[in-house]
């Protein structure tokens, strides 16, 4: 189908050129800009790119969520980070130094290990994840942080989280 459409486009362009006279000395020849098609690949549930929020719209949605709320949504952003061992999680940019941590439903699929900076659409559930001060201190201790660093933890950490049913990623 793509080849057929391409052939029709070529035929149309050839006909159009026959009807247009060659440029005169005073006319500039229009610059031909070749468009490259960007391909996307689905991971998990097959999804499309229609009716998706922008990263700014998604950030605004997260700001309205409370702990325990979930929001079924699809949004588009760029991959900041990805798990380098299996591709079992990724972080998507929301702008203004905010990101959302994306995991994949039931670990049923993974994304490529070299996914950084790729345009991506995710569909699933957005929610707020809150880690208590006690848990954060425990993690810091496990990570070998100094007592001074552990004592500096005084507030819970609120994170934007996402459980993806499907991912549509730029190839």
C-alpha atoms as a PDB file:
ATOM      1  CA  UNK A   1       0.000   0.000   0.000  1.00  0.00           C
ATOM      2  CA  UNK A   2       2.862   2.392   0.846  1.00  0.00           C
ATOM      3  CA  UNK A   3       4.588   1.597  -2.470  1.00  0.00           C
ATOM      4  CA  UNK A   4       1.347   2.177  -4.382  1.00  0.00           C
ATOM      5  CA  UNK A   5       0.817   5.536  -2.637  1.00  0.00           C
ATOM      6  CA  UNK A   6       4.416   6.494  -3.368  1.00  0.00           C
ATOM      7  CA  UNK A   7       3.991   5.659  -7.081  1.00  0.00           C
ATOM      8  CA  UNK A   8       0.828   7.762  -7.304  1.00  0.00           C
ATOM      9  CA  UNK A   9       2.658  10.641  -5.611  1.00  0.00           C
ATOM     10  CA  UNK A  10       5.542  10.362  -8.096  1.00  0.00           C
ATOM     11  CA  UNK A  11       3.155  10.301 -11.053  1.00  0.00           C
ATOM     12  CA  UNK A  12       1.315  13.348  -9.680  1.00  0.00           C
ATOM     13  CA  UNK A  13       4.579  15.235  -9.200  1.00  0.00           C
ATOM     14  CA  UNK A  14       5.742  14.363 -12.739  1.00  0.00           C
ATOM     15  CA  UNK A  15       2.480  15.638 -14.213  1.00  0.00           C
ATOM     16  CA  UNK A  16       2.657  18.807 -12.160  1.00  0.00           C
ATOM     17  CA  UNK A  17       6.219  19.520 -13.301  1.00  0.00           C
ATOM     18  CA  UNK A  18       5.211  19.165 -16.977  1.00  0.00           C
ATOM     19  CA  UNK A  19       2.573  21.887 -16.491  1.00  0.00           C
ATOM     20  CA  UNK A  20       4.971  24.311 -14.756  1.00  0.00           C
ATOM     21  CA  UNK A  21       7.435  26.200 -16.925  1.00  0.00           C
ATOM     22  CA  UNK A  22      11.136  26.202 -16.012  1.00  0.00           C
ATOM     23  CA  UNK A  23      12.160  29.101 -13.766  1.00  0.00           C
ATOM     24  CA  UNK A  24      13.456  32.224 -15.480  1.00  0.00           C
ATOM     25  CA  UNK A  25      16.674  33.978 -14.488  1.00  0.00           C
ATOM     26  CA  UNK A  26      14.851  36.177 -11.957  1.00  0.00           C
ATOM     27  CA  UNK A  27      13.011  33.291 -10.303  1.00  0.00           C
ATOM     28  CA  UNK A  28      14.569  31.122  -7.652  1.00  0.00           C
ATOM     29  CA  UNK A  29      14.345  27.383  -7.975  1.00  0.00           C
ATOM     30  CA  UNK A  30      12.404  26.115  -4.974  1.00  0.00           C
ATOM     31  CA  UNK A  31      14.451  24.048  -2.567  1.00  0.00           C
ATOM     32  CA  UNK A  32      13.346  20.449  -2.409  1.00  0.00           C
ATOM     33  CA  UNK A  33      13.121  19.204   1.157  1.00  0.00           C
ATOM     34  CA  UNK A  34      12.982  15.462   1.523  1.00  0.00           C
ATOM     35  CA  UNK A  35      10.802  14.261   4.377  1.00  0.00           C
ATOM     36  CA  UNK A  36      11.949  11.231   6.274  1.00  0.00           C
ATOM     37  CA  UNK A  37       9.323   9.001   7.758  1.00  0.00           C
ATOM     38  CA  UNK A  38       9.735   8.188  11.434  1.00  0.00           C
ATOM     39  CA  UNK A  39       8.777   4.648  12.346  1.00  0.00           C
ATOM     40  CA  UNK A  40       7.362   3.621  15.701  1.00  0.00           C
ATOM     41  CA  UNK A  41       7.336   0.194  17.339  1.00  0.00           C
ATOM     42  CA  UNK A  42       4.771  -1.159  19.827  1.00  0.00           C
ATOM     43  CA  UNK A  43       5.737  -2.934  23.033  1.00  0.00           C
ATOM     44  CA  UNK A  44       3.096  -4.596  25.189  1.00  0.00           C
ATOM     45  CA  UNK A  45      -0.510  -3.779  24.310  1.00  0.00           C
ATOM     46  CA  UNK A  46      -0.800  -2.316  20.818  1.00  0.00           C
ATOM     47  CA  UNK A  47      -1.542   1.396  21.086  1.00  0.00           C
ATOM     48  CA  UNK A  48      -1.706   4.381  18.750  1.00  0.00           C
ATOM     49  CA  UNK A  49      -0.741   8.015  18.994  1.00  0.00           C
ATOM     50  CA  UNK A  50      -4.238   9.533  18.787  1.00  0.00           C
ATOM     51  CA  UNK A  51      -5.779  11.363  21.761  1.00  0.00           C
ATOM     52  CA  UNK A  52      -2.594  11.514  23.809  1.00  0.00           C
ATOM     53  CA  UNK A  53      -1.600  14.267  26.214  1.00  0.00           C
ATOM     54  CA  UNK A  54       1.585  16.275  25.837  1.00  0.00           C
ATOM     55  CA  UNK A  55       4.206  16.027  28.558  1.00  0.00           C
ATOM     56  CA  UNK A  56       3.141  19.461  29.900  1.00  0.00           C
ATOM     57  CA  UNK A  57      -0.515  18.368  30.043  1.00  0.00           C
ATOM     58  CA  UNK A  58       0.544  15.167  31.818  1.00  0.00           C
ATOM     59  CA  UNK A  59       2.606  17.119  34.367  1.00  0.00           C
ATOM     60  CA  UNK A  60      -0.494  19.231  35.114  1.00  0.00           C
ATOM     61  CA  UNK A  61      -2.525  16.036  35.613  1.00  0.00           C
ATOM     62  CA  UNK A  62       0.073  14.672  38.069  1.00  0.00           C
ATOM     63  CA  UNK A  63      -0.036  17.921  40.047  1.00  0.00           C
ATOM     64  CA  UNK A  64      -3.767  17.350  40.623  1.00  0.00           C
ATOM     65  CA  UNK A  65      -3.404  13.719  41.777  1.00  0.00           C
ATOM     66  CA  UNK A  66      -3.372  12.753  45.438  1.00  0.00           C
ATOM     67  CA  UNK A  67      -1.804   9.636  46.911  1.00  0.00           C
ATOM     68  CA  UNK A  68      -4.112   6.716  46.138  1.00  0.00           C
ATOM     69  CA  UNK A  69      -5.593   8.307  42.994  1.00  0.00           C
ATOM     70  CA  UNK A  70      -5.073   6.693  39.594  1.00  0.00           C
ATOM     71  CA  UNK A  71      -5.656   8.102  36.146  1.00  0.00           C
ATOM     72  CA  UNK A  72      -6.059   6.025  32.970  1.00  0.00           C
ATOM     73  CA  UNK A  73      -4.264   8.049  30.324  1.00  0.00           C
ATOM     74  CA  UNK A  74      -1.928   8.086  27.347  1.00  0.00           C
ATOM     75  CA  UNK A  75       0.770  10.702  26.940  1.00  0.00           C
ATOM     76  CA  UNK A  76       3.769  11.486  24.768  1.00  0.00           C
ATOM     77  CA  UNK A  77       7.245  12.412  25.934  1.00  0.00           C
ATOM     78  CA  UNK A  78      10.935  11.647  25.533  1.00  0.00           C
ATOM     79  CA  UNK A  79      12.816   8.897  27.363  1.00  0.00           C
ATOM     80  CA  UNK A  80      15.332  10.329  29.857  1.00  0.00           C
ATOM     81  CA  UNK A  81      16.647   7.064  31.316  1.00  0.00           C
ATOM     82  CA  UNK A  82      16.106   3.357  30.830  1.00  0.00           C
ATOM     83  CA  UNK A  83      17.099   0.244  32.790  1.00  0.00           C
ATOM     84  CA  UNK A  84      20.457  -0.808  31.330  1.00  0.00           C
ATOM     85  CA  UNK A  85      20.132  -4.438  32.436  1.00  0.00           C
ATOM     86  CA  UNK A  86      16.784  -5.511  30.933  1.00  0.00           C
ATOM     87  CA  UNK A  87      14.853  -2.445  29.799  1.00  0.00           C
ATOM     88  CA  UNK A  88      12.327  -3.168  32.559  1.00  0.00           C
ATOM     89  CA  UNK A  89      11.699   0.507  33.438  1.00  0.00           C
ATOM     90  CA  UNK A  90      12.188   3.970  31.990  1.00  0.00           C
ATOM     91  CA  UNK A  91      11.931   7.578  33.061  1.00  0.00           C
ATOM     92  CA  UNK A  92       9.991  10.019  30.859  1.00  0.00           C
ATOM     93  CA  UNK A  93      10.596  13.768  30.862  1.00  0.00           C
ATOM     94  CA  UNK A  94       7.679  15.965  31.982  1.00  0.00           C
ATOM     95  CA  UNK A  95       9.544  19.270  31.722  1.00  0.00           C
ATOM     96  CA  UNK A  96      10.600  21.690  34.454  1.00  0.00           C
ATOM     97  CA  UNK A  97      12.969  19.101  36.003  1.00  0.00           C
ATOM     98  CA  UNK A  98      10.112  16.645  36.565  1.00  0.00           C
ATOM     99  CA  UNK A  99       9.892  13.072  35.303  1.00  0.00           C
ATOM    100  CA  UNK A 100       7.694  10.028  35.687  1.00  0.00           C
ATOM    101  CA  UNK A 101       9.003   6.573  36.516  1.00  0.00           C
ATOM    102  CA  UNK A 102       7.432   4.042  34.136  1.00  0.00           C
ATOM    103  CA  UNK A 103       7.202   0.306  34.772  1.00  0.00           C
ATOM    104  CA  UNK A 104       5.507  -2.258  32.570  1.00  0.00           C
ATOM    105  CA  UNK A 105       2.380  -4.145  33.612  1.00  0.00           C
ATOM    106  CA  UNK A 106       3.182  -7.614  34.953  1.00  0.00           C
ATOM    107  CA  UNK A 107       6.720  -7.295  33.526  1.00  0.00           C
ATOM    108  CA  UNK A 108       5.129  -8.664  30.358  1.00  0.00           C
ATOM    109  CA  UNK A 109       7.401  -6.620  28.075  1.00  0.00           C
ATOM    110  CA  UNK A 110      10.542  -4.520  28.095  1.00  0.00           C
ATOM    111  CA  UNK A 111      11.898  -1.665  25.975  1.00  0.00           C
ATOM    112  CA  UNK A 112      15.273  -1.460  24.195  1.00  0.00           C
ATOM    113  CA  UNK A 113      18.271  -0.713  26.391  1.00  0.00           C
ATOM    114  CA  UNK A 114      19.227   2.203  24.113  1.00  0.00           C
ATOM    115  CA  UNK A 115      15.858   4.008  24.360  1.00  0.00           C
ATOM    116  CA  UNK A 116      17.157   7.344  25.689  1.00  0.00           C
ATOM    117  CA  UNK A 117      16.037  10.442  23.782  1.00  0.00           C
ATOM    118  CA  UNK A 118      13.420   8.531  21.782  1.00  0.00           C
ATOM    119  CA  UNK A 119       9.943   9.983  21.347  1.00  0.00           C
ATOM    120  CA  UNK A 120       7.542   7.670  23.196  1.00  0.00           C
ATOM    121  CA  UNK A 121       3.826   7.281  23.849  1.00  0.00           C
ATOM    122  CA  UNK A 122       2.743   5.328  26.924  1.00  0.00           C
ATOM    123  CA  UNK A 123      -0.768   4.187  27.808  1.00  0.00           C
ATOM    124  CA  UNK A 124      -1.741   2.993  31.260  1.00  0.00           C
ATOM    125  CA  UNK A 125      -2.254   4.244  34.814  1.00  0.00           C
ATOM    126  CA  UNK A 126      -0.659   7.331  36.292  1.00  0.00           C
ATOM    127  CA  UNK A 127      -0.388   7.596  40.065  1.00  0.00           C
ATOM    128  CA  UNK A 128       1.551   9.222  42.876  1.00  0.00           C
ATOM    129  CA  UNK A 129       4.069   7.147  44.804  1.00  0.00           C
ATOM    130  CA  UNK A 130       5.131   8.350  48.248  1.00  0.00           C
ATOM    131  CA  UNK A 131       8.168   6.920  50.080  1.00  0.00           C
ATOM    132  CA  UNK A 132       8.218   7.523  53.832  1.00  0.00           C
ATOM    133  CA  UNK A 133      11.124   9.111  55.699  1.00  0.00           C
ATOM    134  CA  UNK A 134      11.750   5.798  57.479  1.00  0.00           C
ATOM    135  CA  UNK A 135      11.960   3.907  54.191  1.00  0.00           C
ATOM    136  CA  UNK A 136      14.220   6.539  52.650  1.00  0.00           C
ATOM    137  CA  UNK A 137      16.547   6.342  55.648  1.00  0.00           C
ATOM    138  CA  UNK A 138      16.558   2.541  55.378  1.00  0.00           C
ATOM    139  CA  UNK A 139      17.469   2.752  51.665  1.00  0.00           C
ATOM    140  CA  UNK A 140      20.193   5.305  52.424  1.00  0.00           C
ATOM    141  CA  UNK A 141      21.645   3.036  55.104  1.00  0.00           C
ATOM    142  CA  UNK A 142      21.541   0.056  52.713  1.00  0.00           C
ATOM    143  CA  UNK A 143      23.308   2.178  50.096  1.00  0.00           C
ATOM    144  CA  UNK A 144      26.147   2.865  52.555  1.00  0.00           C
ATOM    145  CA  UNK A 145      25.389   6.565  53.057  1.00  0.00           C
ATOM    146  CA  UNK A 146      26.968   8.359  56.005  1.00  0.00           C
ATOM    147  CA  UNK A 147      24.982   8.960  59.206  1.00  0.00           C
ATOM    148  CA  UNK A 148      25.025  12.671  58.367  1.00  0.00           C
ATOM    149  CA  UNK A 149      23.361  11.973  54.991  1.00  0.00           C
ATOM    150  CA  UNK A 150      20.822   9.670  56.616  1.00  0.00           C
ATOM    151  CA  UNK A 151      19.963  12.267  59.279  1.00  0.00           C
ATOM    152  CA  UNK A 152      19.456  14.884  56.535  1.00  0.00           C
ATOM    153  CA  UNK A 153      16.435  12.943  55.259  1.00  0.00           C
ATOM    154  CA  UNK A 154      13.486  14.706  56.874  1.00  0.00           C
ATOM    155  CA  UNK A 155      10.679  14.635  54.287  1.00  0.00           C
ATOM    156  CA  UNK A 156       8.960  11.847  52.383  1.00  0.00           C
ATOM    157  CA  UNK A 157       9.743  11.588  48.684  1.00  0.00           C
ATOM    158  CA  UNK A 158       6.819  12.052  46.305  1.00  0.00           C
ATOM    159  CA  UNK A 159       7.282  10.574  42.847  1.00  0.00           C
ATOM    160  CA  UNK A 160       5.192  10.535  39.702  1.00  0.00           C
ATOM    161  CA  UNK A 161       4.734   6.902  38.688  1.00  0.00           C
ATOM    162  CA  UNK A 162       3.188   5.140  35.703  1.00  0.00           C
ATOM    163  CA  UNK A 163       2.201   1.504  35.029  1.00  0.00           C
ATOM    164  CA  UNK A 164       2.216   1.082  31.257  1.00  0.00           C
ATOM    165  CA  UNK A 165      -0.019  -1.390  29.434  1.00  0.00           C
ATOM    166  CA  UNK A 166       1.567  -0.455  26.135  1.00  0.00           C
ATOM    167  CA  UNK A 167       4.374   1.639  24.703  1.00  0.00           C
ATOM    168  CA  UNK A 168       4.740   3.148  21.254  1.00  0.00           C
ATOM    169  CA  UNK A 169       8.391   4.122  20.722  1.00  0.00           C
ATOM    170  CA  UNK A 170      10.317   5.771  17.947  1.00  0.00           C
ATOM    171  CA  UNK A 171      12.539   3.198  16.234  1.00  0.00           C
END
